[in-house]
Amino acid sequence: MKASASGKIILFGEHAVVYNRPALAVPVTQVHVDVEVLDSPRAGIFINAPGINLHAGLNALPADHPIGSVILKLFQHCGISQTPGLEINIVSSIPVAAGLGSGAAVSVALIRALSSFLLCPLSDDEINLLVYESEKYHHGTPSGIDNTVITYAMPVYFIKGKPIEIFKVGKPFTIVIGDTGIPAPTKESVSDLRRMWLKDSTTFEEFFNEIAPIALIARRSIASGNPELLGDLMDHNHSLLQEMTISSPELDKLVEAARNAGALGAKLSGSGRGGNMIALVEQAKAESVAGALMSTGATRTIITEIS
């Protein structure tokens, strides 16, 4: 049994979404996780995930291991007490700790493949909830946006604790993603921001209140077929994240390079302090903007059309 899940990118609202403000995220289908579940003649469950150098039996993993915990939660959900002999192969083209939803994509693809193999079909709502629980091992206090956009594979307007809003794109638009090559574990930046918020909640609440309408205006612009309006919104959102110390010199250099190369706007995306930035571009300028990012130090770029 096989299953796949794509990556994701946050357009607006990262970090603010943890504090109950809206965020926008979209799938990135150019990168994905593929999971294959096979019968095995040996007892137990063996997991091969070469991308993270994991070749081990389920029993050898610690209880809080992200992949192991997903499998155990699924068994519990499906009422499976005796585990069959299985081999699970996980291959991913999503960079780890780069803001593209690698952990959530692994969980979504793994649950889909394994639940189908075990004849325990799950709805998207059930998958989303199980993946959210597993995200806690990755990120501590996750917003829920990664698991949501990857599970439903649709653009998502998301406010924590409120019903998911999936919406259609009025007119396709092009985003260039630039990777700094610097790992950016979400758990660390989220925890760091939490400490700063506890010390000065008034200042950070002001930041979040200014970010919130950006995400709402962006959603309306995308749905109404006016994506060119996103450029100025990206620039504004990035400046706020800079003030919150979420950016880094490397991200700022790539953002500036994208703008100088003709991007309509650019900002960091995800947890920050490394990982990825994004730029809104006219389709004809996508390759030149991507080239400028590589010349400025990006380790890789992805050109994706949001449609």
Protein backbone atom coordinates (compact mmCIF):
# COMPACT_ATOMS: atom_id res chain seq x y z
CA MET A 1 0.00 0.00 0.00
CA LYS A 2 1.34 3.42 -0.95
CA ALA A 3 0.42 6.99 -0.05
CA SER A 4 1.89 10.45 -0.58
CA ALA A 5 1.62 13.88 0.99
CA SER A 6 2.92 17.18 -0.36
CA GLY A 7 4.81 19.92 1.41
CA LYS A 8 3.35 23.26 2.40
CA ILE A 9 4.37 26.88 2.70
CA ILE A 10 2.94 29.55 4.97
CA LEU A 11 2.11 32.72 3.10
CA PHE A 12 1.09 34.87 6.06
CA GLY A 13 0.59 34.66 9.81
CA GLU A 14 3.42 32.40 11.02
CA HIS A 15 3.90 32.61 14.80
CA ALA A 16 0.85 34.88 15.14
CA VAL A 17 -1.27 31.80 14.39
CA VAL A 18 -0.06 30.20 17.64
CA TYR A 19 -1.70 33.15 19.44
CA ASN A 20 -5.10 32.68 17.80
CA ARG A 21 -4.60 35.03 14.85
CA PRO A 22 -5.27 33.89 11.29
CA ALA A 23 -2.70 32.38 8.97
CA LEU A 24 -2.70 31.41 5.30
CA ALA A 25 -0.93 28.33 3.99
CA VAL A 26 -0.87 26.52 0.66
CA PRO A 27 0.34 23.11 -0.57
CA VAL A 28 3.66 22.83 -2.39
CA THR A 29 3.26 19.82 -4.66
CA GLN A 30 6.79 19.97 -6.06
CA VAL A 31 8.07 18.30 -2.89
CA HIS A 32 6.43 15.34 -1.18
CA VAL A 33 6.71 12.30 1.08
CA ASP A 34 6.05 8.81 -0.25
CA VAL A 35 5.27 5.93 2.10
CA GLU A 36 5.05 2.26 1.19
CA VAL A 37 3.77 -0.46 3.56
CA LEU A 38 4.67 -4.07 2.79
CA ASP A 39 4.07 -7.45 4.35
CA SER A 40 7.19 -8.79 6.03
CA PRO A 41 8.11 -12.39 6.88
CA ARG A 42 9.80 -11.29 10.09
CA ALA A 43 7.90 -10.39 13.25
CA GLY A 44 7.35 -6.79 14.22
CA ILE A 45 7.48 -3.55 12.28
CA PHE A 46 10.66 -2.35 10.60
CA ILE A 47 11.00 1.25 9.38
CA ASN A 48 13.31 2.48 6.63
CA ALA A 49 13.61 6.27 6.34
CA PRO A 50 16.97 6.96 4.68
CA GLY A 51 16.41 10.72 4.61
CA ILE A 52 16.78 10.85 8.39
CA ASN A 53 19.07 7.82 8.61
CA LEU A 54 16.43 5.71 10.33
CA HIS A 55 16.61 1.94 9.89
CA ALA A 56 15.09 0.36 12.97
CA GLY A 57 12.31 -1.70 14.41
CA LEU A 58 9.38 0.04 16.02
CA ASN A 59 10.21 -1.56 19.36
CA ALA A 60 13.68 0.02 19.28
CA LEU A 61 12.32 3.57 19.04
CA PRO A 62 11.68 5.73 22.12
CA ALA A 63 8.05 6.24 23.06
CA ASP A 64 8.07 9.87 21.94
CA HIS A 65 9.73 9.28 18.56
CA PRO A 66 7.66 11.22 15.97
CA ILE A 67 7.30 8.32 13.52
CA GLY A 68 6.91 5.64 16.17
CA SER A 69 4.32 7.65 18.05
CA VAL A 70 2.25 8.11 14.88
CA ILE A 71 2.17 4.35 14.32
CA LEU A 72 1.21 3.63 17.93
CA LYS A 73 -1.52 6.29 17.92
CA LEU A 74 -2.95 4.82 14.74
CA PHE A 75 -2.97 1.30 16.23
CA GLN A 76 -4.76 2.65 19.28
CA HIS A 77 -7.28 4.54 17.14
CA CYS A 78 -8.01 1.46 15.03
CA GLY A 79 -8.14 -0.90 18.02
CA ILE A 80 -5.20 -3.01 16.86
CA SER A 81 -3.46 -4.84 19.70
CA GLN A 82 -1.40 -7.42 17.81
CA THR A 83 0.95 -5.89 15.27
CA PRO A 84 1.52 -7.80 12.03
CA GLY A 85 4.91 -8.23 10.40
CA LEU A 86 5.40 -5.08 8.33
CA GLU A 87 8.06 -3.13 6.52
CA ILE A 88 7.51 0.62 6.13
CA ASN A 89 9.58 2.58 3.61
CA ILE A 90 9.57 6.39 3.81
CA VAL A 91 11.15 8.54 1.10
CA SER A 92 10.94 12.33 1.18
CA SER A 93 12.03 15.20 -1.06
CA ILE A 94 10.93 17.77 1.55
CA PRO A 95 13.90 19.40 3.31
CA VAL A 96 13.84 18.85 7.08
CA ALA A 97 13.50 21.90 9.37
CA ALA A 98 12.98 24.26 6.44
CA GLY A 99 9.39 25.40 6.98
CA LEU A 100 7.92 23.10 4.32
CA GLY A 101 6.01 20.81 6.66
CA SER A 102 8.28 17.78 6.50
CA GLY A 103 7.14 16.27 9.80
CA ALA A 104 3.44 16.69 9.14
CA ALA A 105 3.77 15.34 5.60
CA VAL A 106 5.49 12.19 6.88
CA SER A 107 2.69 11.69 9.40
CA VAL A 108 -0.11 12.24 6.86
CA ALA A 109 1.39 9.86 4.28
CA LEU A 110 2.23 7.27 6.94
CA ILE A 111 -1.26 7.27 8.43
CA ARG A 112 -2.90 7.10 5.01
CA ALA A 113 -0.78 4.17 3.84
CA LEU A 114 -0.86 2.23 7.08
CA SER A 115 -4.58 2.71 7.78
CA SER A 116 -5.42 1.51 4.26
CA PHE A 117 -3.12 -1.49 4.67
CA LEU A 118 -4.78 -2.37 7.98
CA LEU A 119 -8.28 -1.97 6.47
CA CYS A 120 -9.05 0.86 8.86
CA PRO A 121 -10.09 3.70 6.51
CA LEU A 122 -10.00 7.17 8.03
CA SER A 123 -11.63 10.44 7.05
CA ASP A 124 -9.52 13.55 6.48
CA ASP A 125 -10.86 14.93 9.75
CA GLU A 126 -9.61 11.85 11.63
CA ILE A 127 -6.22 11.98 9.90
CA ASN A 128 -5.87 15.67 10.68
CA LEU A 129 -6.53 15.11 14.37
CA LEU A 130 -4.07 12.21 14.62
CA VAL A 131 -1.37 14.19 12.81
CA TYR A 132 -1.92 17.20 15.05
CA GLU A 133 -1.27 15.00 18.07
CA SER A 134 1.96 13.78 16.50
CA GLU A 135 3.00 17.38 15.70
CA LYS A 136 3.25 18.03 19.42
CA TYR A 137 6.35 15.81 19.48
CA HIS A 138 7.92 17.93 16.73
CA HIS A 139 6.95 21.41 17.85
CA GLY A 140 5.78 21.44 21.45
CA THR A 141 2.84 23.82 20.98
CA PRO A 142 1.98 23.59 17.27
CA SER A 143 -0.55 25.90 15.66
CA GLY A 144 -2.18 23.08 13.69
CA ILE A 145 -1.70 24.76 10.33
CA ASP A 146 0.88 22.30 8.96
CA ASN A 147 -1.23 19.21 9.53
CA THR A 148 -4.36 20.99 8.23
CA VAL A 149 -3.08 22.26 4.88
CA ILE A 150 -1.18 19.01 4.19
CA THR A 151 -4.08 16.73 5.12
CA TYR A 152 -6.62 18.59 2.97
CA ALA A 153 -4.11 19.55 0.22
CA MET A 154 -5.91 22.85 -0.32
CA PRO A 155 -5.23 26.52 0.49
CA VAL A 156 -6.25 27.05 4.08
CA TYR A 157 -7.28 30.08 6.12
CA PHE A 158 -6.73 28.93 9.65
CA ILE A 159 -7.48 30.26 13.12
CA LYS A 160 -6.55 27.94 15.95
CA GLY A 161 -9.61 26.50 17.65
CA LYS A 162 -12.02 27.54 14.90
CA PRO A 163 -13.44 25.56 11.96
CA ILE A 164 -11.05 25.05 9.05
CA GLU A 165 -11.69 27.33 6.09
CA ILE A 166 -10.59 25.88 2.76
CA PHE A 167 -10.94 28.26 -0.15
CA LYS A 168 -10.40 28.42 -3.89
CA VAL A 169 -7.83 30.50 -5.74
CA GLY A 170 -9.45 33.13 -7.98
CA LYS A 171 -6.43 33.38 -10.29
CA PRO A 172 -3.21 31.31 -10.27
CA PHE A 173 -0.07 33.03 -9.03
CA THR A 174 3.59 32.12 -8.80
CA ILE A 175 5.76 31.87 -5.71
CA VAL A 176 9.52 31.32 -5.62
CA ILE A 177 10.78 29.61 -2.47
CA GLY A 178 14.40 30.14 -1.43
CA ASP A 179 16.09 27.93 1.15
CA THR A 180 18.82 29.46 3.33
CA GLY A 181 20.18 25.98 4.03
CA ILE A 182 20.08 26.76 7.74
CA PRO A 183 17.97 24.33 9.79
CA ALA A 184 15.10 26.11 11.52
CA PRO A 185 13.43 23.76 14.02
CA THR A 186 9.97 25.12 14.71
CA LYS A 187 9.92 23.99 18.33
CA GLU A 188 12.91 26.18 19.25
CA SER A 189 11.66 29.40 17.67
CA VAL A 190 8.11 28.90 18.96
CA SER A 191 9.46 28.31 22.48
CA ASP A 192 11.77 31.31 22.24
CA LEU A 193 8.94 33.57 21.10
CA ARG A 194 6.78 32.26 23.92
CA ARG A 195 9.42 33.33 26.44
CA MET A 196 9.59 36.81 24.88
CA TRP A 197 5.79 37.05 24.87
CA LEU A 198 5.67 36.15 28.57
CA LYS A 199 8.18 38.92 29.36
CA ASP A 200 6.45 41.57 27.22
CA SER A 201 3.02 40.39 26.15
CA THR A 202 1.77 43.91 25.38
CA THR A 203 4.38 44.51 22.66
CA PHE A 204 3.94 41.12 21.06
CA GLU A 205 0.16 41.33 21.15
CA GLU A 206 0.50 44.57 19.17
CA PHE A 207 2.62 42.73 16.60
CA PHE A 208 0.06 39.94 16.33
CA ASN A 209 -2.82 42.42 16.03
CA GLU A 210 -1.04 44.09 13.11
CA ILE A 211 -0.34 40.76 11.40
CA ALA A 212 -3.94 39.50 11.72
CA PRO A 213 -5.56 41.79 9.11
CA ILE A 214 -2.70 41.07 6.68
CA ALA A 215 -3.76 37.42 6.53
CA LEU A 216 -7.44 38.36 6.10
CA ILE A 217 -6.74 40.84 3.29
CA ALA A 218 -4.48 38.28 1.61
CA ARG A 219 -7.19 35.63 1.71
CA ARG A 220 -9.68 38.00 0.09
CA SER A 221 -7.13 39.04 -2.54
CA ILE A 222 -6.41 35.43 -3.49
CA ALA A 223 -10.07 34.40 -3.57
CA SER A 224 -11.10 37.43 -5.64
CA GLY A 225 -8.38 36.88 -8.25
CA ASN A 226 -6.12 39.78 -7.24
CA PRO A 227 -2.95 38.00 -6.09
CA GLU A 228 -0.73 40.91 -7.18
CA LEU A 229 -1.86 42.67 -3.99
CA LEU A 230 0.06 40.09 -1.95
CA GLY A 231 3.43 41.71 -2.68
CA ASP A 232 3.02 44.72 -0.39
CA LEU A 233 1.43 42.49 2.25
CA MET A 234 4.49 40.22 2.18
CA ASP A 235 6.85 43.16 2.63
CA HIS A 236 4.81 44.45 5.58
CA ASN A 237 4.56 41.03 7.23
CA HIS A 238 8.32 40.51 6.88
CA SER A 239 9.12 43.85 8.52
CA LEU A 240 6.99 42.86 11.53
CA LEU A 241 8.73 39.49 11.80
CA GLN A 242 12.07 41.29 11.69
CA GLU A 243 11.00 43.46 14.63
CA MET A 244 10.00 40.28 16.47
CA THR A 245 13.56 38.93 15.91
CA ILE A 246 12.18 36.01 13.91
CA SER A 247 14.24 36.79 10.80
CA SER A 248 18.00 36.39 10.29
CA PRO A 249 20.70 38.06 8.18
CA GLU A 250 20.57 35.19 5.70
CA LEU A 251 16.80 35.45 5.27
CA ASP A 252 16.96 39.23 4.97
CA LYS A 253 19.62 38.96 2.23
CA LEU A 254 17.46 36.59 0.20
CA VAL A 255 14.36 38.73 0.67
CA GLU A 256 16.25 41.80 -0.54
CA ALA A 257 17.77 39.90 -3.48
CA ALA A 258 14.31 38.74 -4.58
CA ARG A 259 12.92 42.27 -4.46
CA ASN A 260 15.92 43.64 -6.39
CA ALA A 261 15.42 40.93 -9.04
CA GLY A 262 11.86 42.05 -9.71
CA ALA A 263 9.75 40.19 -7.14
CA LEU A 264 6.48 41.95 -6.24
CA GLY A 265 7.16 41.24 -2.58
CA ALA A 266 9.04 38.82 -0.35
CA LYS A 267 9.16 37.58 3.24
CA LEU A 268 10.41 34.76 5.39
CA SER A 269 8.09 31.78 5.73
CA GLY A 270 7.69 29.46 8.68
CA SER A 271 9.53 29.47 11.98
CA GLY A 272 12.25 31.84 10.77
CA ARG A 273 15.90 32.31 11.79
CA GLY A 274 16.72 30.01 8.90
CA GLY A 275 14.68 27.80 6.65
CA ASN A 276 12.83 29.38 3.75
CA MET A 277 11.72 32.70 2.36
CA ILE A 278 9.10 33.24 -0.34
CA ALA A 279 8.70 35.78 -3.12
CA LEU A 280 5.64 36.68 -5.19
CA VAL A 281 6.68 36.95 -8.83
CA GLU A 282 5.25 37.38 -12.27
CA GLN A 283 5.56 33.99 -13.96
CA ALA A 284 7.94 35.39 -16.61
CA LYS A 285 10.36 36.54 -13.91
CA ALA A 286 10.34 33.36 -11.82
CA GLU A 287 13.55 31.89 -13.23
CA SER A 288 15.49 35.16 -12.92
CA VAL A 289 14.37 35.65 -9.32
CA ALA A 290 15.30 32.05 -8.53
CA GLY A 291 18.72 32.65 -10.11
CA ALA A 292 19.24 35.78 -8.03
CA LEU A 293 18.45 33.83 -4.87
CA MET A 294 20.97 31.13 -5.75
CA SER A 295 23.59 33.80 -6.46
CA THR A 296 22.91 35.34 -3.06
CA GLY A 297 23.42 32.11 -1.14
CA ALA A 298 20.23 30.07 -1.35
CA THR A 299 20.98 26.35 -1.30
CA ARG A 300 17.93 25.52 -3.40
CA THR A 301 14.86 27.15 -4.89
CA ILE A 302 11.41 25.90 -5.77
CA ILE A 303 9.10 27.62 -8.23
CA THR A 304 5.50 26.74 -7.50
CA GLU A 305 2.19 27.86 -8.97
CA ILE A 306 -0.66 28.28 -6.52
CA SER A 307 -3.89 27.40 -8.29
